[in-house]
N, C-alpha and C. Protein backbone atom coordinates (compact mmCIF):
# COMPACT_ATOMS: atom_id res chain seq x y z
N GLN A 1 -45.71 -17.13 -31.10
CA GLN A 1 -45.26 -17.30 -32.47
C GLN A 1 -43.90 -17.98 -32.46
N LEU A 2 -43.75 -19.00 -33.31
CA LEU A 2 -42.50 -19.74 -33.35
C LEU A 2 -41.36 -18.88 -33.87
N GLN A 3 -40.21 -18.97 -33.22
CA GLN A 3 -39.00 -18.29 -33.69
C GLN A 3 -37.86 -19.28 -33.67
N ALA A 4 -36.98 -19.18 -34.66
CA ALA A 4 -35.76 -19.98 -34.70
C ALA A 4 -34.59 -19.05 -34.41
N VAL A 5 -33.74 -19.44 -33.47
CA VAL A 5 -32.62 -18.59 -33.06
C VAL A 5 -31.33 -19.38 -33.18
N GLU A 6 -30.45 -18.94 -34.09
CA GLU A 6 -29.18 -19.62 -34.28
C GLU A 6 -28.09 -18.98 -33.44
N SER A 7 -27.06 -19.75 -33.19
CA SER A 7 -25.85 -19.23 -32.55
C SER A 7 -24.69 -20.13 -32.96
N GLY A 8 -23.50 -19.81 -32.47
CA GLY A 8 -22.38 -20.71 -32.67
C GLY A 8 -21.52 -20.45 -33.88
N GLY A 9 -21.86 -19.48 -34.71
CA GLY A 9 -21.02 -19.20 -35.86
C GLY A 9 -19.69 -18.61 -35.43
N GLY A 10 -18.78 -18.49 -36.39
CA GLY A 10 -17.47 -17.92 -36.08
C GLY A 10 -16.50 -18.16 -37.21
N SER A 11 -15.23 -17.92 -36.90
CA SER A 11 -14.16 -18.07 -37.89
C SER A 11 -13.23 -19.19 -37.46
N VAL A 12 -12.95 -20.07 -38.40
CA VAL A 12 -12.04 -21.18 -38.13
C VAL A 12 -11.13 -21.36 -39.34
N GLN A 13 -10.10 -22.14 -39.16
CA GLN A 13 -9.23 -22.47 -40.28
C GLN A 13 -9.70 -23.77 -40.93
N VAL A 14 -9.21 -23.99 -42.12
CA VAL A 14 -9.55 -25.22 -42.85
C VAL A 14 -9.25 -26.43 -41.97
N GLY A 15 -10.21 -27.35 -41.95
CA GLY A 15 -10.06 -28.54 -41.12
C GLY A 15 -10.63 -28.40 -39.72
N GLY A 16 -11.02 -27.19 -39.36
CA GLY A 16 -11.55 -26.94 -38.03
C GLY A 16 -13.00 -27.37 -37.89
N SER A 17 -13.57 -27.13 -36.72
CA SER A 17 -14.93 -27.55 -36.41
C SER A 17 -15.71 -26.40 -35.76
N LEU A 18 -17.01 -26.43 -35.97
CA LEU A 18 -17.93 -25.52 -35.31
C LEU A 18 -19.22 -26.27 -35.03
N THR A 19 -19.92 -25.85 -33.98
CA THR A 19 -21.25 -26.37 -33.69
C THR A 19 -22.24 -25.22 -33.73
N LEU A 20 -23.30 -25.39 -34.50
CA LEU A 20 -24.32 -24.36 -34.62
C LEU A 20 -25.60 -24.85 -33.93
N PRO A 21 -25.92 -24.34 -32.74
CA PRO A 21 -27.20 -24.68 -32.12
C PRO A 21 -28.33 -23.84 -32.69
N CYS A 22 -29.49 -24.43 -32.78
CA CYS A 22 -30.69 -23.70 -33.18
C CYS A 22 -31.76 -23.96 -32.12
N ALA A 23 -32.19 -22.90 -31.48
CA ALA A 23 -33.24 -23.00 -30.48
C ALA A 23 -34.56 -22.55 -31.09
N ALA A 24 -35.64 -23.16 -30.64
CA ALA A 24 -36.97 -22.75 -31.10
C ALA A 24 -37.72 -22.18 -29.91
N SER A 25 -38.10 -20.93 -30.01
CA SER A 25 -38.82 -20.31 -28.91
C SER A 25 -40.22 -19.95 -29.36
N GLY A 26 -41.12 -19.87 -28.37
CA GLY A 26 -42.47 -19.45 -28.67
C GLY A 26 -43.32 -20.50 -29.36
N ARG A 27 -42.83 -21.73 -29.41
CA ARG A 27 -43.61 -22.75 -30.11
C ARG A 27 -44.77 -23.21 -29.24
N THR A 28 -45.81 -23.64 -29.88
CA THR A 28 -46.99 -24.08 -29.16
C THR A 28 -47.08 -25.59 -29.10
N SER A 29 -46.12 -26.27 -29.70
CA SER A 29 -46.11 -27.73 -29.71
C SER A 29 -44.71 -28.21 -29.36
N SER A 30 -44.61 -29.36 -28.75
CA SER A 30 -43.30 -29.91 -28.46
C SER A 30 -42.73 -30.65 -29.66
N ASN A 31 -43.53 -30.82 -30.69
CA ASN A 31 -43.08 -31.49 -31.90
C ASN A 31 -42.64 -30.47 -32.94
N PHE A 32 -41.43 -30.61 -33.42
CA PHE A 32 -40.96 -29.72 -34.46
C PHE A 32 -39.79 -30.36 -35.20
N GLY A 33 -39.63 -29.97 -36.42
CA GLY A 33 -38.48 -30.40 -37.20
C GLY A 33 -37.65 -29.18 -37.55
N LYS A 34 -36.39 -29.40 -37.85
CA LYS A 34 -35.50 -28.28 -38.16
C LYS A 34 -34.56 -28.65 -39.30
N GLY A 35 -34.13 -27.61 -39.98
CA GLY A 35 -33.16 -27.80 -41.04
C GLY A 35 -32.21 -26.63 -41.09
N TRP A 36 -31.09 -26.86 -41.76
CA TRP A 36 -30.10 -25.81 -41.96
C TRP A 36 -29.92 -25.60 -43.45
N VAL A 37 -29.96 -24.34 -43.85
CA VAL A 37 -29.78 -24.00 -45.25
C VAL A 37 -28.80 -22.83 -45.33
N ARG A 38 -28.31 -22.59 -46.54
CA ARG A 38 -27.43 -21.46 -46.77
C ARG A 38 -27.72 -20.93 -48.16
N PRO A 39 -27.48 -19.66 -48.42
CA PRO A 39 -27.67 -19.14 -49.77
C PRO A 39 -26.63 -19.75 -50.70
N ALA A 40 -27.00 -19.85 -51.96
CA ALA A 40 -26.07 -20.35 -52.97
C ALA A 40 -26.32 -19.58 -54.26
N PRO A 41 -25.31 -19.45 -55.10
CA PRO A 41 -25.49 -18.70 -56.35
C PRO A 41 -26.64 -19.24 -57.17
N GLY A 42 -27.55 -18.36 -57.55
CA GLY A 42 -28.67 -18.77 -58.38
C GLY A 42 -29.80 -19.44 -57.63
N LYS A 43 -29.67 -19.59 -56.32
CA LYS A 43 -30.72 -20.25 -55.53
C LYS A 43 -31.08 -19.37 -54.34
N GLU A 44 -32.30 -19.52 -53.88
CA GLU A 44 -32.67 -18.85 -52.64
C GLU A 44 -32.01 -19.56 -51.47
N ARG A 45 -31.94 -20.87 -51.54
CA ARG A 45 -31.41 -21.63 -50.43
C ARG A 45 -30.76 -22.90 -50.95
N GLN A 46 -29.78 -23.35 -50.22
CA GLN A 46 -29.14 -24.63 -50.50
C GLN A 46 -29.24 -25.45 -49.23
N PHE A 47 -29.90 -26.57 -49.32
CA PHE A 47 -30.10 -27.42 -48.16
C PHE A 47 -28.78 -28.04 -47.72
N GLU A 48 -28.54 -28.05 -46.43
CA GLU A 48 -27.34 -28.68 -45.90
C GLU A 48 -27.67 -29.89 -45.02
N ALA A 49 -28.62 -29.72 -44.09
CA ALA A 49 -28.96 -30.82 -43.19
C ALA A 49 -30.34 -30.58 -42.60
N GLY A 50 -31.02 -31.65 -42.24
CA GLY A 50 -32.34 -31.52 -41.62
C GLY A 50 -32.65 -32.71 -40.74
N ILE A 51 -33.54 -32.49 -39.79
CA ILE A 51 -33.95 -33.55 -38.87
C ILE A 51 -35.45 -33.44 -38.68
N ASP A 52 -36.14 -34.58 -38.65
CA ASP A 52 -37.59 -34.52 -38.54
C ASP A 52 -38.01 -34.39 -37.08
N TRP A 53 -39.32 -34.37 -36.86
CA TRP A 53 -39.83 -34.10 -35.52
C TRP A 53 -39.44 -35.17 -34.51
N SER A 54 -39.26 -36.41 -34.98
CA SER A 54 -38.95 -37.50 -34.05
C SER A 54 -37.45 -37.64 -33.79
N GLY A 55 -36.65 -37.05 -34.64
CA GLY A 55 -35.20 -37.23 -34.53
C GLY A 55 -34.69 -38.45 -35.26
N ARG A 56 -35.62 -39.25 -35.83
CA ARG A 56 -35.19 -40.49 -36.48
C ARG A 56 -34.77 -40.27 -37.93
N GLU A 57 -35.37 -39.28 -38.58
CA GLU A 57 -35.01 -39.01 -39.97
C GLU A 57 -34.01 -37.87 -40.02
N LYS A 58 -32.88 -38.11 -40.63
CA LYS A 58 -31.87 -37.08 -40.83
C LYS A 58 -31.46 -37.11 -42.29
N ARG A 59 -31.33 -35.94 -42.86
CA ARG A 59 -30.91 -35.84 -44.25
C ARG A 59 -29.76 -34.85 -44.36
N TYR A 60 -28.88 -35.10 -45.32
CA TYR A 60 -27.71 -34.25 -45.53
C TYR A 60 -27.52 -33.99 -47.01
N SER A 61 -26.94 -32.85 -47.33
CA SER A 61 -26.52 -32.62 -48.71
C SER A 61 -25.30 -33.49 -49.00
N ASN A 62 -24.98 -33.65 -50.26
CA ASN A 62 -23.82 -34.47 -50.61
C ASN A 62 -22.53 -33.88 -50.05
N THR A 63 -22.45 -32.55 -50.01
CA THR A 63 -21.22 -31.93 -49.50
C THR A 63 -21.13 -32.00 -47.98
N ALA A 64 -22.27 -32.11 -47.32
CA ALA A 64 -22.28 -32.16 -45.86
C ALA A 64 -22.11 -33.59 -45.33
N LYS A 65 -22.53 -34.55 -46.12
CA LYS A 65 -22.52 -35.94 -45.67
C LYS A 65 -21.11 -36.37 -45.29
N GLY A 66 -20.99 -36.98 -44.13
CA GLY A 66 -19.70 -37.44 -43.65
C GLY A 66 -18.92 -36.40 -42.87
N ARG A 67 -19.32 -35.13 -42.99
CA ARG A 67 -18.62 -34.06 -42.25
C ARG A 67 -19.52 -33.37 -41.24
N PHE A 68 -20.80 -33.25 -41.56
CA PHE A 68 -21.73 -32.56 -40.67
C PHE A 68 -22.65 -33.59 -40.02
N THR A 69 -23.05 -33.31 -38.79
CA THR A 69 -24.00 -34.16 -38.07
C THR A 69 -25.05 -33.28 -37.43
N ILE A 70 -26.31 -33.61 -37.68
CA ILE A 70 -27.41 -32.87 -37.06
C ILE A 70 -28.01 -33.74 -35.98
N SER A 71 -28.33 -33.14 -34.84
CA SER A 71 -28.86 -33.91 -33.73
C SER A 71 -29.72 -33.02 -32.84
N ARG A 72 -30.57 -33.66 -32.06
CA ARG A 72 -31.41 -32.94 -31.12
C ARG A 72 -30.78 -33.03 -29.73
N ASP A 73 -30.76 -31.92 -29.02
CA ASP A 73 -30.33 -31.89 -27.63
C ASP A 73 -31.55 -31.46 -26.82
N ASP A 74 -32.31 -32.44 -26.33
CA ASP A 74 -33.55 -32.11 -25.63
C ASP A 74 -33.29 -31.42 -24.29
N ALA A 75 -32.14 -31.67 -23.68
CA ALA A 75 -31.81 -31.01 -22.42
C ALA A 75 -31.66 -29.50 -22.61
N LYS A 76 -31.07 -29.13 -23.76
CA LYS A 76 -30.88 -27.70 -24.06
C LYS A 76 -31.99 -27.17 -24.94
N ASN A 77 -32.85 -28.05 -25.40
CA ASN A 77 -33.95 -27.65 -26.29
C ASN A 77 -33.43 -27.07 -27.59
N THR A 78 -32.42 -27.67 -28.13
CA THR A 78 -31.85 -27.18 -29.39
C THR A 78 -31.69 -28.33 -30.38
N VAL A 79 -31.54 -27.97 -31.63
CA VAL A 79 -31.05 -28.87 -32.66
C VAL A 79 -29.68 -28.34 -33.05
N ASP A 80 -28.68 -29.19 -32.97
CA ASP A 80 -27.31 -28.76 -33.21
C ASP A 80 -26.78 -29.29 -34.53
N LEU A 81 -26.04 -28.45 -35.24
CA LEU A 81 -25.35 -28.88 -36.44
C LEU A 81 -23.86 -28.90 -36.12
N GLN A 82 -23.30 -30.08 -36.00
CA GLN A 82 -21.87 -30.23 -35.75
C GLN A 82 -21.17 -30.26 -37.11
N MET A 83 -20.27 -29.31 -37.32
CA MET A 83 -19.58 -29.18 -38.61
C MET A 83 -18.10 -29.49 -38.40
N ASN A 84 -17.64 -30.55 -39.02
CA ASN A 84 -16.23 -30.95 -38.91
C ASN A 84 -15.55 -30.85 -40.26
N ASP A 85 -14.22 -30.85 -40.23
CA ASP A 85 -13.42 -30.84 -41.45
C ASP A 85 -13.89 -29.71 -42.38
N LEU A 86 -14.00 -28.53 -41.83
CA LEU A 86 -14.55 -27.42 -42.60
C LEU A 86 -13.62 -27.00 -43.72
N ARG A 87 -14.22 -26.57 -44.81
CA ARG A 87 -13.50 -26.15 -46.01
C ARG A 87 -13.83 -24.70 -46.31
N THR A 88 -13.01 -24.06 -47.12
CA THR A 88 -13.26 -22.65 -47.43
C THR A 88 -14.61 -22.48 -48.12
N GLU A 89 -15.02 -23.46 -48.89
CA GLU A 89 -16.30 -23.35 -49.58
C GLU A 89 -17.50 -23.49 -48.64
N ASP A 90 -17.26 -23.83 -47.39
CA ASP A 90 -18.35 -23.87 -46.41
C ASP A 90 -18.66 -22.46 -45.88
N THR A 91 -17.83 -21.50 -46.22
CA THR A 91 -18.06 -20.14 -45.75
C THR A 91 -19.40 -19.62 -46.26
N ALA A 92 -20.25 -19.18 -45.33
CA ALA A 92 -21.59 -18.70 -45.68
C ALA A 92 -22.31 -18.27 -44.41
N VAL A 93 -23.44 -17.63 -44.60
CA VAL A 93 -24.38 -17.42 -43.50
C VAL A 93 -25.31 -18.63 -43.48
N TYR A 94 -25.40 -19.28 -42.35
CA TYR A 94 -26.24 -20.47 -42.21
C TYR A 94 -27.52 -20.09 -41.48
N TYR A 95 -28.64 -20.52 -42.06
CA TYR A 95 -29.95 -20.20 -41.49
C TYR A 95 -30.61 -21.48 -41.01
N CYS A 96 -31.20 -21.40 -39.83
CA CYS A 96 -32.00 -22.50 -39.30
C CYS A 96 -33.45 -22.26 -39.68
N ILE A 97 -34.12 -23.32 -40.10
CA ILE A 97 -35.55 -23.28 -40.36
C ILE A 97 -36.22 -24.21 -39.37
N ALA A 98 -37.25 -23.73 -38.72
CA ALA A 98 -37.99 -24.55 -37.75
C ALA A 98 -39.45 -24.64 -38.18
N ALA A 99 -40.01 -25.83 -38.08
CA ALA A 99 -41.41 -26.05 -38.44
C ALA A 99 -42.07 -26.87 -37.35
N VAL A 100 -43.21 -26.40 -36.88
CA VAL A 100 -43.93 -27.06 -35.80
C VAL A 100 -44.77 -28.20 -36.35
N GLY A 101 -44.86 -29.25 -35.56
CA GLY A 101 -45.70 -30.37 -35.94
C GLY A 101 -44.90 -31.63 -36.18
N THR A 102 -45.60 -32.69 -36.50
CA THR A 102 -44.93 -33.97 -36.76
C THR A 102 -44.47 -33.99 -38.21
N VAL A 103 -43.48 -33.14 -38.48
CA VAL A 103 -43.05 -32.89 -39.86
C VAL A 103 -41.82 -33.69 -40.22
N GLN A 104 -41.79 -34.14 -41.47
CA GLN A 104 -40.60 -34.76 -42.02
C GLN A 104 -39.65 -33.68 -42.52
N VAL A 105 -38.43 -34.09 -42.87
CA VAL A 105 -37.42 -33.11 -43.25
C VAL A 105 -37.85 -32.34 -44.50
N LEU A 106 -38.39 -33.03 -45.48
CA LEU A 106 -38.76 -32.33 -46.71
C LEU A 106 -39.84 -31.28 -46.46
N GLU A 107 -40.68 -31.50 -45.49
CA GLU A 107 -41.69 -30.51 -45.14
C GLU A 107 -41.05 -29.32 -44.44
N VAL A 108 -40.04 -29.57 -43.64
CA VAL A 108 -39.37 -28.49 -42.93
C VAL A 108 -38.77 -27.49 -43.92
N ILE A 109 -38.14 -27.99 -44.97
CA ILE A 109 -37.40 -27.12 -45.88
C ILE A 109 -38.23 -26.71 -47.10
N ARG A 110 -39.48 -27.14 -47.16
CA ARG A 110 -40.34 -26.71 -48.27
C ARG A 110 -40.54 -25.21 -48.18
N PRO A 111 -40.38 -24.49 -49.31
CA PRO A 111 -40.56 -23.02 -49.26
C PRO A 111 -41.89 -22.64 -48.64
N GLY A 112 -41.84 -21.73 -47.68
CA GLY A 112 -43.03 -21.26 -47.02
C GLY A 112 -43.48 -22.10 -45.85
N SER A 113 -42.77 -23.19 -45.56
CA SER A 113 -43.24 -24.10 -44.53
C SER A 113 -42.88 -23.65 -43.13
N GLY A 114 -41.61 -23.34 -42.89
CA GLY A 114 -41.17 -23.04 -41.53
C GLY A 114 -40.76 -21.58 -41.38
N VAL A 115 -40.25 -21.29 -40.20
CA VAL A 115 -39.76 -19.93 -39.93
C VAL A 115 -38.22 -19.97 -39.92
N TRP A 116 -37.63 -18.88 -40.40
CA TRP A 116 -36.18 -18.77 -40.51
C TRP A 116 -35.64 -18.00 -39.33
N GLY A 117 -34.44 -18.37 -38.90
CA GLY A 117 -33.73 -17.56 -37.94
C GLY A 117 -33.03 -16.40 -38.64
N GLN A 118 -32.27 -15.66 -37.87
CA GLN A 118 -31.60 -14.48 -38.41
C GLN A 118 -30.30 -14.81 -39.12
N GLY A 119 -29.83 -16.03 -38.97
CA GLY A 119 -28.60 -16.45 -39.63
C GLY A 119 -27.39 -16.28 -38.74
N THR A 120 -26.41 -17.13 -38.96
CA THR A 120 -25.15 -17.03 -38.24
C THR A 120 -24.01 -17.26 -39.23
N GLN A 121 -23.00 -16.41 -39.15
CA GLN A 121 -21.91 -16.42 -40.13
C GLN A 121 -20.87 -17.48 -39.78
N VAL A 122 -20.52 -18.28 -40.78
CA VAL A 122 -19.42 -19.24 -40.67
C VAL A 122 -18.37 -18.83 -41.69
N THR A 123 -17.16 -18.60 -41.22
CA THR A 123 -16.06 -18.22 -42.10
C THR A 123 -14.91 -19.20 -41.92
N VAL A 124 -14.49 -19.81 -43.02
CA VAL A 124 -13.39 -20.78 -43.00
C VAL A 124 -12.26 -20.23 -43.84
N SER A 125 -11.09 -20.09 -43.25
CA SER A 125 -9.96 -19.52 -43.96
C SER A 125 -8.82 -20.52 -44.06
N SER A 126 -8.02 -20.34 -45.11
CA SER A 126 -6.90 -21.27 -45.31
C SER A 126 -5.62 -20.73 -44.70
């Protein structure tokens, strides 16, 4: 059974950086897409970044664009979210969603599509 496992959260000051790796274990296919979401007021999830199964399609929220970078690290078997220039409003629990198959980003983050990790806390202080 596919599982998404996040790591890399922590506490940083405004302007700092963090990298959040997401590993997928138990998958039955080498093809998978991943995305990062966080809770937001009035929403179940707020999309931040996603990458499709090939690594060619990457999508970002407007607030993440220019500051966050999502990439695949095939040597470590992870998808990493590099977060730079962090702001206090980035403080949240970040969840990785993993979906098996030749999936595009929108399919990865479609409700009910993928499996969620346990979440990792990011805290940004001024």
